Protein backbone atom coordinates (compact mmCIF):
# COMPACT_ATOMS: atom_id res chain seq x y z
CA MET A 1 -22.47 54.16 26.67
CA ALA A 2 -25.80 54.03 24.91
CA THR A 3 -25.93 54.90 21.32
CA PRO A 4 -28.93 56.54 19.49
CA PHE A 5 -29.25 53.21 17.61
CA LEU A 6 -29.54 51.16 20.77
CA ASP A 7 -32.00 53.55 22.27
CA LEU A 8 -34.16 53.44 19.03
CA ALA A 9 -33.90 49.62 19.11
CA ASP A 10 -35.05 49.54 22.73
CA ALA A 11 -38.03 51.86 21.97
CA ALA A 12 -39.01 49.71 18.97
CA LYS A 13 -38.85 46.60 21.12
CA ALA A 14 -40.99 48.08 23.85
CA ALA A 15 -43.46 49.31 21.30
CA CYS A 16 -43.79 45.90 19.59
CA SER A 17 -44.11 44.10 22.94
CA ALA A 18 -46.89 46.46 24.05
CA LEU A 19 -48.82 46.20 20.81
CA ALA A 20 -48.40 42.46 20.31
CA PRO A 21 -51.51 41.22 22.13
CA ALA A 22 -53.71 43.82 20.44
CA ALA A 23 -52.19 43.03 16.97
CA LEU A 24 -52.65 39.25 17.51
CA GLY A 25 -56.23 39.68 18.83
CA SER A 26 -57.19 41.80 15.79
CA LEU A 27 -55.52 39.31 13.41
CA VAL A 28 -57.40 36.34 14.91
CA ALA A 29 -60.74 38.20 14.66
CA GLN A 30 -60.04 38.98 10.96
CA LEU A 31 -59.35 35.36 10.13
CA TYR A 32 -63.04 34.55 10.69
CA GLU A 33 -64.19 37.56 8.65
CA ARG A 34 -65.20 36.94 5.08
CA GLY A 35 -65.70 39.12 2.11
CA MET A 36 -63.61 42.04 3.10
CA ASP A 37 -61.13 43.79 0.66
CA TRP A 38 -57.64 44.63 1.68
CA ARG A 39 -58.34 48.27 2.48
CA ASP A 40 -61.17 47.36 4.89
CA ARG A 41 -59.05 44.63 6.53
CA LEU A 42 -56.13 47.12 7.08
CA ILE A 43 -58.56 49.66 8.53
CA ALA A 44 -60.21 47.16 10.82
CA TYR A 45 -56.75 45.84 11.84
CA VAL A 46 -55.47 49.24 12.79
CA VAL A 47 -58.68 50.21 14.57
CA GLY A 48 -58.59 46.94 16.53
CA ILE A 49 -55.09 47.64 17.66
CA LEU A 50 -55.55 51.17 18.62
CA VAL A 51 -58.77 50.77 20.46
CA SER A 52 -57.50 47.70 22.29
CA TYR A 53 -54.24 49.33 23.28
CA TYR A 54 -55.66 52.48 24.68
CA VAL A 55 -58.65 50.86 26.38
CA THR A 56 -56.43 48.34 27.77
CA LEU A 57 -54.01 51.04 29.27
CA GLY A 58 -57.06 52.68 30.77
CA LEU A 59 -58.49 49.51 32.33
CA THR A 60 -55.06 48.35 33.67
CA SER A 61 -54.57 51.76 35.28
CA TRP A 62 -57.98 51.72 36.77
CA PHE A 63 -58.21 48.13 37.92
CA HIS A 64 -54.47 47.65 38.61
CA PHE A 65 -54.33 44.46 36.40
CA ASP A 66 -51.17 42.17 36.32
CA GLN A 67 -49.18 42.27 33.28
CA PHE A 68 -50.53 38.97 31.94
CA VAL A 69 -54.13 39.87 32.66
CA SER A 70 -53.61 43.15 30.92
CA GLN A 71 -52.30 41.31 27.80
CA ALA A 72 -55.27 38.99 27.84
CA VAL A 73 -57.68 41.89 28.11
CA GLY A 74 -55.87 43.62 25.25
CA PHE A 75 -56.16 40.51 23.05
CA VAL A 76 -59.86 40.08 23.70
CA LEU A 77 -60.64 43.72 23.20
CA ALA A 78 -58.77 43.68 19.92
CA MET A 79 -60.96 40.76 18.78
CA ILE A 80 -64.15 42.70 19.15
CA ALA A 81 -62.94 46.29 18.73
CA TYR A 82 -62.98 46.40 14.99
CA LYS A 83 -66.58 45.00 14.88
CA ALA A 84 -67.79 47.67 17.35
CA ALA A 85 -65.77 50.64 16.11
CA PRO A 86 -67.63 51.15 12.84
CA LYS A 87 -71.10 51.01 14.53
CA PHE A 88 -69.85 53.44 17.21
CA ALA A 89 -68.66 55.84 14.56
CA ALA A 90 -71.89 55.68 12.69
CA ALA A 91 -73.85 56.42 15.85
CA LEU A 92 -71.56 59.22 16.69
CA ILE A 93 -71.86 60.74 13.24
CA ASP A 94 -75.68 60.49 13.41
CA MET A 95 -75.60 62.27 16.73
CA ILE A 96 -73.48 65.06 15.51
CA ALA A 97 -75.59 65.45 12.36
CA SER A 98 -78.71 65.88 14.49
CA LEU A 99 -77.12 68.32 16.83
CA PRO A 100 -78.21 71.47 14.88
CA THR A 101 -81.81 70.37 15.02
CA VAL A 102 -81.61 69.66 18.75
CA VAL A 103 -79.99 73.05 19.34
CA ARG A 104 -82.64 74.75 17.27
CA ASP A 105 -85.53 73.07 18.98
CA TRP A 106 -84.03 73.96 22.45
CA ILE A 107 -83.80 77.56 21.36
CA ALA A 108 -87.35 77.59 20.16
CA ARG A 109 -88.64 76.08 23.42
CA LYS A 110 -86.71 78.80 25.36
CA LYS A 111 -88.31 81.45 23.22
CA ASP A 112 -91.88 80.01 23.68
CA ALA A 113 -91.38 79.74 27.35
CA ALA A 114 -90.37 83.39 27.74
């Protein structure tokens, strides 16, 4: 008979084994990064893990990767994810900030055309 503790332990074991390649990849990438304070390192570590985990799930589902290939992809993605994520976020913020101007110009063009 399974107890709630054993179910919780099994869930924790499954979560750790799923996140291990991403966590190791993010950790290896940060070993070469200099001049970061602990807050930035923690944020980069979490971003590397999350991006790698979810992108790896998508790629594995799409391309039907083997378990070991999937783990390797997760490791590599985590190594580059924390470097790319801040640039992607900055570009997304710039795009969202320029959206009112784009909409205003589009409405003005529609008025002039009518």
